[in-house]
Structures are given as structure tokens and as C-alpha cells.
PDB file of N, CA and C in Angstrom:
ATOM      1  N   MET A   1      16.037  16.761   5.777  1.00  0.00           N
ATOM      2  CA  MET A   1      15.095  15.780   5.278  1.00  0.00           C
ATOM      3  C   MET A   1      13.686  16.230   5.652  1.00  0.00           C
ATOM      4  N   LYS A   2      12.818  16.282   4.660  1.00  0.00           N
ATOM      5  CA  LYS A   2      11.451  16.703   4.943  1.00  0.00           C
ATOM      6  C   LYS A   2      10.592  15.492   5.315  1.00  0.00           C
ATOM      7  N   PRO A   3       9.574  15.704   6.134  1.00  0.00           N
ATOM      8  CA  PRO A   3       8.737  14.583   6.575  1.00  0.00           C
ATOM      9  C   PRO A   3       7.892  14.033   5.427  1.00  0.00           C
ATOM     10  N   HIS A   4       7.546  12.780   5.560  1.00  0.00           N
ATOM     11  CA  HIS A   4       6.696  12.124   4.571  1.00  0.00           C
ATOM     12  C   HIS A   4       5.262  12.095   5.088  1.00  0.00           C
ATOM     13  N   TYR A   5       4.375  12.693   4.338  1.00  0.00           N
ATOM     14  CA  TYR A   5       2.955  12.629   4.653  1.00  0.00           C
ATOM     15  C   TYR A   5       2.293  11.718   3.634  1.00  0.00           C
ATOM     16  N   PRO A   6       1.587  10.697   4.096  1.00  0.00           N
ATOM     17  CA  PRO A   6       0.967   9.762   3.154  1.00  0.00           C
ATOM     18  C   PRO A   6      -0.006  10.464   2.208  1.00  0.00           C
ATOM     19  N   GLN A   7       0.030  10.056   0.968  1.00  0.00           N
ATOM     20  CA  GLN A   7      -0.911  10.532  -0.043  1.00  0.00           C
ATOM     21  C   GLN A   7      -1.694   9.317  -0.521  1.00  0.00           C
ATOM     22  N   ILE A   8      -2.766   9.016   0.171  1.00  0.00           N
ATOM     23  CA  ILE A   8      -3.572   7.845  -0.160  1.00  0.00           C
ATOM     24  C   ILE A   8      -4.344   8.149  -1.449  1.00  0.00           C
ATOM     25  N   VAL A   9      -4.062   7.372  -2.491  1.00  0.00           N
ATOM     26  CA  VAL A   9      -4.710   7.594  -3.782  1.00  0.00           C
ATOM     27  C   VAL A   9      -5.819   6.576  -4.046  1.00  0.00           C
ATOM     28  N   LEU A  10      -5.836   5.502  -3.254  1.00  0.00           N
ATOM     29  CA  LEU A  10      -6.835   4.458  -3.444  1.00  0.00           C
ATOM     30  C   LEU A  10      -7.007   3.707  -2.138  1.00  0.00           C
ATOM     31  N   SER A  11      -8.242   3.405  -1.799  1.00  0.00           N
ATOM     32  CA  SER A  11      -8.529   2.631  -0.598  1.00  0.00           C
ATOM     33  C   SER A  11      -9.671   1.667  -0.931  1.00  0.00           C
ATOM     34  N   PHE A  12      -9.531   0.412  -0.495  1.00  0.00           N
ATOM     35  CA  PHE A  12     -10.575  -0.571  -0.776  1.00  0.00           C
ATOM     36  C   PHE A  12     -10.536  -1.675   0.266  1.00  0.00           C
ATOM     37  N   ALA A  13     -11.638  -2.399   0.375  1.00  0.00           N
ATOM     38  CA  ALA A  13     -11.734  -3.534   1.293  1.00  0.00           C
ATOM     39  C   ALA A  13     -11.441  -4.813   0.519  1.00  0.00           C
ATOM     40  N   TYR A  14     -10.683  -5.703   1.162  1.00  0.00           N
ATOM     41  CA  TYR A  14     -10.381  -7.012   0.594  1.00  0.00           C
ATOM     42  C   TYR A  14     -10.351  -8.019   1.730  1.00  0.00           C
ATOM     43  N   ARG A  15     -11.289  -8.964   1.703  1.00  0.00           N
ATOM     44  CA  ARG A  15     -11.384 -10.020   2.719  1.00  0.00           C
ATOM     45  C   ARG A  15     -11.405  -9.463   4.145  1.00  0.00           C
ATOM     46  N   ASN A  16     -12.204  -8.473   4.368  1.00  0.00           N
ATOM     47  CA  ASN A  16     -12.374  -7.826   5.688  1.00  0.00           C
ATOM     48  C   ASN A  16     -11.149  -7.042   6.146  1.00  0.00           C
ATOM     49  N   TYR A  17     -10.257  -6.725   5.260  1.00  0.00           N
ATOM     50  CA  TYR A  17      -9.106  -5.870   5.551  1.00  0.00           C
ATOM     51  C   TYR A  17      -9.220  -4.625   4.682  1.00  0.00           C
ATOM     52  N   THR A  18      -8.711  -3.522   5.171  1.00  0.00           N
ATOM     53  CA  THR A  18      -8.698  -2.291   4.389  1.00  0.00           C
ATOM     54  C   THR A  18      -7.300  -2.088   3.826  1.00  0.00           C
ATOM     55  N   VAL A  19      -7.230  -1.926   2.525  1.00  0.00           N
ATOM     56  CA  VAL A  19      -5.955  -1.700   1.849  1.00  0.00           C
ATOM     57  C   VAL A  19      -5.919  -0.246   1.398  1.00  0.00           C
ATOM     58  N   GLU A  20      -4.815   0.425   1.698  1.00  0.00           N
ATOM     59  CA  GLU A  20      -4.638   1.807   1.281  1.00  0.00           C
ATOM     60  C   GLU A  20      -3.374   1.901   0.433  1.00  0.00           C
ATOM     61  N   ILE A  21      -3.510   2.485  -0.751  1.00  0.00           N
ATOM     62  CA  ILE A  21      -2.376   2.661  -1.648  1.00  0.00           C
ATOM     63  C   ILE A  21      -1.872   4.096  -1.503  1.00  0.00           C
ATOM     64  N   ASP A  22      -0.599   4.205  -1.180  1.00  0.00           N
ATOM     65  CA  ASP A  22       0.060   5.490  -0.930  1.00  0.00           C
ATOM     66  C   ASP A  22       0.989   5.796  -2.101  1.00  0.00           C
ATOM     67  N   ARG A  23       0.969   7.039  -2.563  1.00  0.00           N
ATOM     68  CA  ARG A  23       1.851   7.447  -3.657  1.00  0.00           C
ATOM     69  C   ARG A  23       2.915   8.402  -3.113  1.00  0.00           C
ATOM     70  N   ASP A  24       4.144   8.194  -3.558  1.00  0.00           N
ATOM     71  CA  ASP A  24       5.245   9.073  -3.185  1.00  0.00           C
ATOM     72  C   ASP A  24       5.990   9.449  -4.457  1.00  0.00           C
ATOM     73  N   GLU A  25       6.370  10.702  -4.552  1.00  0.00           N
ATOM     74  CA  GLU A  25       7.086  11.171  -5.728  1.00  0.00           C
ATOM     75  C   GLU A  25       8.563  11.293  -5.403  1.00  0.00           C
ATOM     76  N   LEU A  26       9.389  10.675  -6.231  1.00  0.00           N
ATOM     77  CA  LEU A  26      10.830  10.742  -6.047  1.00  0.00           C
ATOM     78  C   LEU A  26      11.366  12.049  -6.624  1.00  0.00           C
ATOM     79  N   ASP A  27      12.598  12.380  -6.293  1.00  0.00           N
ATOM     80  CA  ASP A  27      13.212  13.626  -6.750  1.00  0.00           C
ATOM     81  C   ASP A  27      13.248  13.741  -8.268  1.00  0.00           C
ATOM     82  N   GLU A  28      13.355  12.628  -8.955  1.00  0.00           N
ATOM     83  CA  GLU A  28      13.445  12.636 -10.410  1.00  0.00           C
ATOM     84  C   GLU A  28      12.080  12.798 -11.077  1.00  0.00           C
ATOM     85  N   GLY A  29      11.015  12.929 -10.299  1.00  0.00           N
ATOM     86  CA  GLY A  29       9.677  13.075 -10.851  1.00  0.00           C
ATOM     87  C   GLY A  29       8.916  11.785 -11.020  1.00  0.00           C
ATOM     88  N   TYR A  30       9.537  10.663 -10.690  1.00  0.00           N
ATOM     89  CA  TYR A  30       8.867   9.367 -10.780  1.00  0.00           C
ATOM     90  C   TYR A  30       8.010   9.136  -9.545  1.00  0.00           C
ATOM     91  N   CYS A  31       6.931   8.401  -9.734  1.00  0.00           N
ATOM     92  CA  CYS A  31       6.069   8.031  -8.606  1.00  0.00           C
ATOM     93  C   CYS A  31       6.296   6.565  -8.256  1.00  0.00           C
ATOM     94  N   VAL A  32       6.291   6.280  -6.968  1.00  0.00           N
ATOM     95  CA  VAL A  32       6.316   4.904  -6.477  1.00  0.00           C
ATOM     96  C   VAL A  32       5.134   4.752  -5.531  1.00  0.00           C
ATOM     97  N   TYR A  33       4.709   3.531  -5.346  1.00  0.00           N
ATOM     98  CA  TYR A  33       3.513   3.254  -4.568  1.00  0.00           C
ATOM     99  C   TYR A  33       3.821   2.249  -3.464  1.00  0.00           C
ATOM    100  N   ALA A  34       3.119   2.402  -2.361  1.00  0.00           N
ATOM    101  CA  ALA A  34       3.210   1.463  -1.243  1.00  0.00           C
ATOM    102  C   ALA A  34       1.789   1.062  -0.866  1.00  0.00           C
ATOM    103  N   ALA A  35       1.654  -0.117  -0.274  1.00  0.00           N
ATOM    104  CA  ALA A  35       0.334  -0.585   0.151  1.00  0.00           C
ATOM    105  C   ALA A  35       0.349  -0.871   1.640  1.00  0.00           C
ATOM    106  N   TRP A  36      -0.592  -0.280   2.344  1.00  0.00           N
ATOM    107  CA  TRP A  36      -0.793  -0.503   3.771  1.00  0.00           C
ATOM    108  C   TRP A  36      -2.012  -1.381   3.939  1.00  0.00           C
ATOM    109  N   VAL A  37      -1.930  -2.334   4.864  1.00  0.00           N
ATOM    110  CA  VAL A  37      -3.073  -3.181   5.189  1.00  0.00           C
ATOM    111  C   VAL A  37      -3.473  -2.888   6.626  1.00  0.00           C
ATOM    112  N   ASN A  38      -4.715  -2.484   6.806  1.00  0.00           N
ATOM    113  CA  ASN A  38      -5.244  -2.161   8.136  1.00  0.00           C
ATOM    114  C   ASN A  38      -6.185  -3.271   8.583  1.00  0.00           C
ATOM    115  N   HIS A  39      -6.051  -3.651   9.864  1.00  0.00           N
ATOM    116  CA  HIS A  39      -6.926  -4.680  10.440  1.00  0.00           C
ATOM    117  C   HIS A  39      -7.193  -4.339  11.894  1.00  0.00           C
ATOM    118  N   ASP A  40      -7.904  -5.205  12.594  1.00  0.00           N
ATOM    119  CA  ASP A  40      -8.328  -4.924  13.972  1.00  0.00           C
ATOM    120  C   ASP A  40      -7.160  -4.668  14.919  1.00  0.00           C
ATOM    121  N   GLN A  41      -6.047  -5.328  14.712  1.00  0.00           N
ATOM    122  CA  GLN A  41      -4.925  -5.202  15.626  1.00  0.00           C
ATOM    123  C   GLN A  41      -3.895  -4.154  15.227  1.00  0.00           C
ATOM    124  N   GLY A  42      -4.099  -3.488  14.106  1.00  0.00           N
ATOM    125  CA  GLY A  42      -3.152  -2.465  13.697  1.00  0.00           C
ATOM    126  C   GLY A  42      -3.030  -2.391  12.189  1.00  0.00           C
ATOM    127  N   CYS A  43      -1.835  -2.050  11.740  1.00  0.00           N
ATOM    128  CA  CYS A  43      -1.610  -1.955  10.304  1.00  0.00           C
ATOM    129  C   CYS A  43      -0.193  -2.405   9.982  1.00  0.00           C
ATOM    130  N   ALA A  44       0.025  -2.710   8.708  1.00  0.00           N
ATOM    131  CA  ALA A  44       1.333  -3.166   8.260  1.00  0.00           C
ATOM    132  C   ALA A  44       1.574  -2.665   6.845  1.00  0.00           C
ATOM    133  N   VAL A  45       2.825  -2.464   6.524  1.00  0.00           N
ATOM    134  CA  VAL A  45       3.194  -2.135   5.156  1.00  0.00           C
ATOM    135  C   VAL A  45       3.333  -3.462   4.415  1.00  0.00           C
ATOM    136  N   ALA A  46       2.360  -3.761   3.593  1.00  0.00           N
ATOM    137  CA  ALA A  46       2.371  -5.026   2.863  1.00  0.00           C
ATOM    138  C   ALA A  46       3.283  -4.944   1.642  1.00  0.00           C
ATOM    139  N   VAL A  47       3.313  -3.792   1.017  1.00  0.00           N
ATOM    140  CA  VAL A  47       4.128  -3.589  -0.182  1.00  0.00           C
ATOM    141  C   VAL A  47       4.905  -2.283   0.008  1.00  0.00           C
ATOM    142  N   PRO A  48       6.195  -2.360   0.273  1.00  0.00           N
ATOM    143  CA  PRO A  48       6.958  -1.132   0.508  1.00  0.00           C
ATOM    144  C   PRO A  48       7.220  -0.320  -0.757  1.00  0.00           C
ATOM    145  N   CYS A  49       7.271  -0.981  -1.917  1.00  0.00           N
ATOM    146  CA  CYS A  49       7.573  -0.251  -3.144  1.00  0.00           C
ATOM    147  C   CYS A  49       7.032  -1.006  -4.356  1.00  0.00           C
ATOM    148  N   ALA A  50       6.215  -0.315  -5.140  1.00  0.00           N
ATOM    149  CA  ALA A  50       5.709  -0.848  -6.403  1.00  0.00           C
ATOM    150  C   ALA A  50       5.750   0.285  -7.422  1.00  0.00           C
ATOM    151  N   MET A  51       5.899  -0.076  -8.670  1.00  0.00           N
ATOM    152  CA  MET A  51       6.024   0.945  -9.712  1.00  0.00           C
ATOM    153  C   MET A  51       4.678   1.471 -10.219  1.00  0.00           C
ATOM    154  N   THR A  52       3.598   0.686 -10.032  1.00  0.00           N
ATOM    155  CA  THR A  52       2.270   1.113 -10.473  1.00  0.00           C
ATOM    156  C   THR A  52       1.247   0.780  -9.394  1.00  0.00           C
ATOM    157  N   THR A  53       0.092   1.422  -9.481  1.00  0.00           N
ATOM    158  CA  THR A  53      -0.976   1.099  -8.530  1.00  0.00           C
ATOM    159  C   THR A  53      -1.461  -0.329  -8.733  1.00  0.00           C
ATOM    160  N   ILE A  54      -1.478  -0.787  -9.974  1.00  0.00           N
ATOM    161  CA  ILE A  54      -1.926  -2.156 -10.259  1.00  0.00           C
ATOM    162  C   ILE A  54      -1.013  -3.167  -9.570  1.00  0.00           C
ATOM    163  N   ASP A  55       0.291  -2.951  -9.642  1.00  0.00           N
ATOM    164  CA  ASP A  55       1.241  -3.842  -8.960  1.00  0.00           C
ATOM    165  C   ASP A  55       1.050  -3.793  -7.447  1.00  0.00           C
ATOM    166  N   ALA A  56       0.844  -2.611  -6.910  1.00  0.00           N
ATOM    167  CA  ALA A  56       0.659  -2.465  -5.458  1.00  0.00           C
ATOM    168  C   ALA A  56      -0.594  -3.201  -4.996  1.00  0.00           C
ATOM    169  N   VAL A  57      -1.682  -3.075  -5.744  1.00  0.00           N
ATOM    170  CA  VAL A  57      -2.936  -3.759  -5.391  1.00  0.00           C
ATOM    171  C   VAL A  57      -2.755  -5.270  -5.460  1.00  0.00           C
ATOM    172  N   ARG A  58      -2.160  -5.763  -6.547  1.00  0.00           N
ATOM    173  CA  ARG A  58      -1.965  -7.211  -6.714  1.00  0.00           C
ATOM    174  C   ARG A  58      -1.096  -7.784  -5.602  1.00  0.00           C
ATOM    175  N   GLN A  59       0.006  -7.105  -5.290  1.00  0.00           N
ATOM    176  CA  GLN A  59       0.908  -7.589  -4.252  1.00  0.00           C
ATOM    177  C   GLN A  59       0.271  -7.511  -2.866  1.00  0.00           C
ATOM    178  N   ALA A  60      -0.539  -6.494  -2.608  1.00  0.00           N
ATOM    179  CA  ALA A  60      -1.216  -6.384  -1.310  1.00  0.00           C
ATOM    180  C   ALA A  60      -2.215  -7.533  -1.130  1.00  0.00           C
ATOM    181  N   LYS A  61      -2.954  -7.864  -2.182  1.00  0.00           N
ATOM    182  CA  LYS A  61      -3.896  -8.980  -2.102  1.00  0.00           C
ATOM    183  C   LYS A  61      -3.158 -10.294  -1.861  1.00  0.00           C
ATOM    184  N   GLN A  62      -2.039 -10.498  -2.536  1.00  0.00           N
ATOM    185  CA  GLN A  62      -1.234 -11.703  -2.322  1.00  0.00           C
ATOM    186  C   GLN A  62      -0.710 -11.743  -0.891  1.00  0.00           C
ATOM    187  N   TRP A  63      -0.290 -10.614  -0.361  1.00  0.00           N
ATOM    188  CA  TRP A  63       0.233 -10.528   1.010  1.00  0.00           C
ATOM    189  C   TRP A  63      -0.841 -10.960   2.002  1.00  0.00           C
ATOM    190  N   ILE A  64      -2.059 -10.463   1.818  1.00  0.00           N
ATOM    191  CA  ILE A  64      -3.172 -10.833   2.707  1.00  0.00           C
ATOM    192  C   ILE A  64      -3.463 -12.324   2.587  1.00  0.00           C
ATOM    193  N   ASP A  65      -3.548 -12.836   1.371  1.00  0.00           N
ATOM    194  CA  ASP A  65      -3.847 -14.254   1.154  1.00  0.00           C
ATOM    195  C   ASP A  65      -2.797 -15.168   1.804  1.00  0.00           C
ATOM    196  N   GLN A  66      -1.533 -14.797   1.715  1.00  0.00           N
ATOM    197  CA  GLN A  66      -0.462 -15.624   2.263  1.00  0.00           C
ATOM    198  C   GLN A  66      -0.433 -15.599   3.795  1.00  0.00           C
ATOM    199  N   ARG A  67      -0.779 -14.501   4.402  1.00  0.00           N
ATOM    200  CA  ARG A  67      -0.655 -14.389   5.852  1.00  0.00           C
ATOM    201  C   ARG A  67      -1.905 -14.757   6.626  1.00  0.00           C
ATOM    202  N   PHE A  68      -3.068 -14.578   6.023  1.00  0.00           N
ATOM    203  CA  PHE A  68      -4.298 -14.763   6.784  1.00  0.00           C
ATOM    204  C   PHE A  68      -5.192 -15.861   6.253  1.00  0.00           C
ATOM    205  N   PHE A  69      -4.909 -16.422   5.071  1.00  0.00           N
ATOM    206  CA  PHE A  69      -5.806 -17.438   4.519  1.00  0.00           C
ATOM    207  C   PHE A  69      -5.056 -18.636   4.021  1.00  0.00           C
TER     208      PHE A  69
END
């Protein structure tokens, strides 16, 4: 098994949190996306798997809204 190195394709601030969208390519050539949320106390995987960057961004924003606001 080879190690996974994050490939951050998009990073933006949302409500004082930094969201990073990571792209991973599956063996079949498909790409999947994950969203990391970084804050003062650390980071969390807000979206473990999304099919598009748009879905990853939308779900990450919802994750932040539900947990912190």
C-alpha cells in the first residue's frame, strides 16, 4: 500500500475557518474529494468523500454551520 499525500486543489476561508479540498484519484481513474476544516484547536475531516469539488465545498460549509453556529 502506497502512502497518501494530500493534493490540496482548493483552499478558502469560511466563517474564520480554513477549508481545504483534497483530491484523490482512484485506481479506475476517477477522482474523489475530501474536505478538511482547520481551526485554532486542530483540524477535522468534515467531508470524507464527495464526487465533485462543488459537493465537497457545500458539505464542508454545512458541517461548519452545524457544529459551530
